[in-house]
Amino acid sequence: MNSEALSKIVVQGMQEKKANDVTILDLSQVKNAVADYFVLCSASSDTQVDAISDSVEAFVYKQAKENTWQKEGKNNKEWILLDFVTVVAHIFKTDKRAHYNLESLWGDAKIIEIENV
């Protein structure tokens, strides 16, 4: 499965649990980028952060038969990172997302805003 299709599955998993401010950063044309796509979202509570993380993993496994290569942040539930090698999902509590501001850190990326469903 190509990375663009995988990023869309990640978005579906986020939307399933009502993630806020879902954004795709297309890094495929950025020199020395660590992945082709970052998919970011916000959640209002640590419970929602955890639920979104579980949903993303379930959607990716069901539709792409892929597991995460690495995952970080499951214990503190403020920023969970799910690394699928070419696509990295970042699930933030709202205040942490504003603090780290990955969109500005990767300013060369094409930013794709996803409408809430």
Protein backbone atom coordinates (compact mmCIF):
# COMPACT_ATOMS: atom_id res chain seq x y z
CA MET A 1 0.00 0.00 0.00
CA ASN A 2 1.35 3.43 -0.85
CA SER A 3 1.90 6.06 1.81
CA GLU A 4 -0.82 8.42 0.55
CA ALA A 5 -3.47 5.69 0.84
CA LEU A 6 -2.16 4.75 4.27
CA SER A 7 -2.40 8.37 5.44
CA LYS A 8 -6.09 8.39 4.45
CA ILE A 9 -6.73 5.25 6.51
CA VAL A 10 -5.07 6.93 9.49
CA VAL A 11 -7.43 9.89 9.03
CA GLN A 12 -10.42 7.52 9.03
CA GLY A 13 -9.26 5.99 12.29
CA MET A 14 -8.95 9.45 13.83
CA GLN A 15 -12.35 10.55 12.59
CA GLU A 16 -13.97 7.41 13.98
CA LYS A 17 -13.24 8.72 17.50
CA LYS A 18 -14.14 12.36 16.75
CA ALA A 19 -10.60 13.74 16.60
CA ASN A 20 -10.32 17.51 16.23
CA ASP A 21 -8.27 19.54 13.76
CA VAL A 22 -7.08 16.61 11.66
CA THR A 23 -4.23 17.76 9.43
CA ILE A 24 -1.99 15.94 6.97
CA LEU A 25 1.54 17.20 6.42
CA ASP A 26 2.75 15.96 3.04
CA LEU A 27 6.50 15.61 3.51
CA SER A 28 7.07 13.56 0.36
CA GLN A 29 8.81 16.46 -1.41
CA VAL A 30 10.72 17.69 1.67
CA LYS A 31 14.42 16.85 1.59
CA ASN A 32 15.59 14.60 4.46
CA ALA A 33 12.07 14.12 5.86
CA VAL A 34 11.67 11.18 8.22
CA ALA A 35 8.41 10.00 6.59
CA ASP A 36 6.22 10.76 3.58
CA TYR A 37 3.28 11.94 5.68
CA PHE A 38 2.56 13.13 9.20
CA VAL A 39 -1.09 12.96 10.22
CA LEU A 40 -1.91 15.13 13.23
CA CYS A 41 -5.00 15.49 15.35
CA SER A 42 -6.11 16.90 18.69
CA ALA A 43 -8.19 15.41 21.47
CA SER A 44 -9.79 17.04 24.48
CA SER A 45 -8.85 14.41 27.07
CA ASP A 46 -6.30 11.68 27.72
CA THR A 47 -9.12 9.13 27.37
CA GLN A 48 -9.88 10.42 23.88
CA VAL A 49 -6.17 10.44 22.97
CA ASP A 50 -5.99 6.76 23.92
CA ALA A 51 -9.22 5.89 22.07
CA ILE A 52 -8.04 7.62 18.88
CA SER A 53 -4.72 5.78 19.07
CA ASP A 54 -6.47 2.42 19.39
CA SER A 55 -8.82 3.30 16.55
CA VAL A 56 -6.00 4.28 14.19
CA GLU A 57 -4.14 1.03 14.89
CA ALA A 58 -7.32 -1.00 14.33
CA PHE A 59 -8.21 0.77 11.06
CA VAL A 60 -4.69 0.40 9.67
CA TYR A 61 -4.51 -3.27 10.58
CA LYS A 62 -7.99 -4.04 9.21
CA GLN A 63 -7.57 -2.17 5.92
CA ALA A 64 -3.82 -2.37 5.23
CA LYS A 65 -2.75 -5.39 7.31
CA GLU A 66 0.04 -3.29 8.84
CA ASN A 67 1.09 -2.92 12.45
CA THR A 68 2.91 0.01 13.98
CA TRP A 69 6.67 -0.15 13.67
CA GLN A 70 7.12 2.03 16.77
CA LYS A 71 4.76 3.73 19.20
CA GLU A 72 5.47 6.23 21.93
CA GLY A 73 3.46 8.03 24.58
CA LYS A 74 0.87 5.38 25.48
CA ASN A 75 1.67 5.78 29.18
CA ASN A 76 1.25 9.55 29.57
CA LYS A 77 -1.51 9.92 26.92
CA GLU A 78 -0.69 13.54 26.10
CA TRP A 79 1.04 12.91 22.76
CA ILE A 80 0.91 9.46 21.21
CA LEU A 81 3.05 8.80 18.17
CA LEU A 82 2.26 5.83 15.93
CA ASP A 83 5.00 5.16 13.38
CA PHE A 84 3.98 3.18 10.30
CA VAL A 85 7.37 3.95 8.66
CA THR A 86 6.15 6.05 5.71
CA VAL A 87 3.26 7.58 7.69
CA VAL A 88 3.50 8.84 11.26
CA ALA A 89 0.35 9.61 13.27
CA HIS A 90 0.57 12.23 16.02
CA ILE A 91 -2.34 12.27 18.47
CA PHE A 92 -2.14 15.23 20.83
CA LYS A 93 -4.06 16.61 23.74
CA THR A 94 -5.05 20.05 22.48
CA ASP A 95 -2.65 22.05 24.69
CA LYS A 96 0.33 19.84 23.78
CA ARG A 97 -0.32 20.23 20.07
CA ALA A 98 -0.27 24.01 20.40
CA HIS A 99 2.95 23.81 22.43
CA TYR A 100 4.89 21.64 19.96
CA ASN A 101 3.36 23.20 16.81
CA LEU A 102 4.66 20.63 14.32
CA GLU A 103 2.98 22.44 11.44
CA SER A 104 5.44 25.33 11.76
CA LEU A 105 8.38 23.03 12.47
CA TRP A 106 7.81 21.36 9.09
CA GLY A 107 7.09 24.61 7.25
CA ASP A 108 8.15 23.21 3.87
CA ALA A 109 5.44 20.54 3.98
CA LYS A 110 2.22 20.80 2.04
CA ILE A 111 -0.51 21.17 4.67
CA ILE A 112 -3.87 19.49 4.05
CA GLU A 113 -6.66 20.41 6.48
CA ILE A 114 -9.33 17.73 6.91
CA GLU A 115 -12.87 18.84 7.67
CA ASN A 116 -14.49 17.50 10.82
CA VAL A 117 -17.18 14.88 10.25
